[in-house]
Protein backbone atom coordinates (compact mmCIF):
# COMPACT_ATOMS: atom_id res chain seq x y z
CA MET A 1 -11.61 5.75 -6.25
CA SER A 2 -11.48 5.89 -10.00
CA LYS A 3 -9.80 2.52 -10.57
CA SER A 4 -10.38 -0.69 -8.67
CA LEU A 5 -7.55 -2.84 -7.38
CA SER A 6 -7.09 -6.57 -7.67
CA PRO A 7 -8.09 -8.56 -4.57
CA GLU A 8 -4.38 -9.31 -3.96
CA ALA A 9 -3.50 -5.62 -4.02
CA ILE A 10 -6.33 -4.75 -1.63
CA GLU A 11 -5.17 -7.42 0.82
CA ALA A 12 -1.57 -6.18 0.56
CA LEU A 13 -2.72 -2.62 1.20
CA ARG A 14 -4.64 -3.77 4.28
CA ARG A 15 -1.52 -5.58 5.58
CA LEU A 16 0.60 -2.47 5.00
CA ASN A 17 -1.96 -0.36 6.83
CA GLU A 18 -1.51 -2.54 9.93
CA VAL A 19 2.28 -2.12 10.05
CA GLY A 20 3.42 0.04 12.95
CA ILE A 21 6.35 2.43 13.06
CA GLY A 22 9.62 0.53 13.20
CA GLN A 23 8.05 -2.77 12.13
CA VAL A 24 9.17 -4.66 9.05
CA THR A 25 6.78 -4.31 6.13
CA PRO A 26 5.48 -7.48 4.49
CA ALA A 27 7.06 -8.53 1.22
CA LEU A 28 4.86 -7.94 -1.80
CA ALA A 29 4.81 -9.73 -5.12
CA PRO A 30 6.33 -7.48 -7.82
CA GLY A 31 3.04 -7.23 -9.73
CA VAL A 32 1.10 -6.23 -6.62
CA ALA A 33 3.75 -3.68 -5.63
CA GLY A 34 3.68 -2.26 -9.15
CA GLU A 35 -0.09 -1.97 -9.08
CA LEU A 36 -0.04 -0.10 -5.77
CA LEU A 37 2.93 2.10 -6.77
CA GLY A 38 1.25 2.96 -10.07
CA MET A 39 -1.84 4.24 -8.28
CA GLY A 40 0.20 6.20 -5.71
CA LEU A 41 -1.15 4.14 -2.82
CA VAL A 42 2.34 3.18 -1.64
CA VAL A 43 5.83 4.63 -2.01
CA GLU A 44 9.13 2.81 -2.17
CA SER A 45 11.62 3.63 0.57
CA ALA A 46 15.39 3.78 0.16
CA GLY A 47 15.66 0.23 1.48
CA GLY A 48 13.39 -1.10 -1.25
CA GLU A 49 10.42 -1.64 1.06
CA VAL A 50 7.04 -0.10 0.31
CA GLU A 51 5.09 2.08 2.72
CA ILE A 52 1.42 2.99 2.55
CA THR A 53 0.63 6.61 1.67
CA CYS A 54 -2.20 8.85 2.80
CA ALA A 55 -3.88 8.03 -0.52
CA GLY A 56 -3.59 4.34 0.35
CA ARG A 57 -5.24 4.91 3.71
CA GLN A 58 -7.98 6.93 2.00
CA TYR A 59 -8.56 4.09 -0.45
CA LEU A 60 -9.18 1.74 2.46
CA SER A 61 -11.21 3.98 4.71
CA GLY A 62 -12.10 7.22 2.98
CA ASP A 63 -10.35 9.09 5.79
CA CYS A 64 -6.79 10.27 6.30
CA ASP A 65 -5.20 12.42 8.99
């Protein structure tokens, strides 16, 4: 990826990647959420929660279905 993330953002992205369908997403600090949103690695849902995107999965693994 072109820009590196803070260690806190990487850990948050890993936690979001482990969330299954229908599970509650972990709360993120506003700065971490902003960092991930700004890079397009997560999106904000209507309920205000963030969900990992394909780009977020690619950032972690280099692969996305």
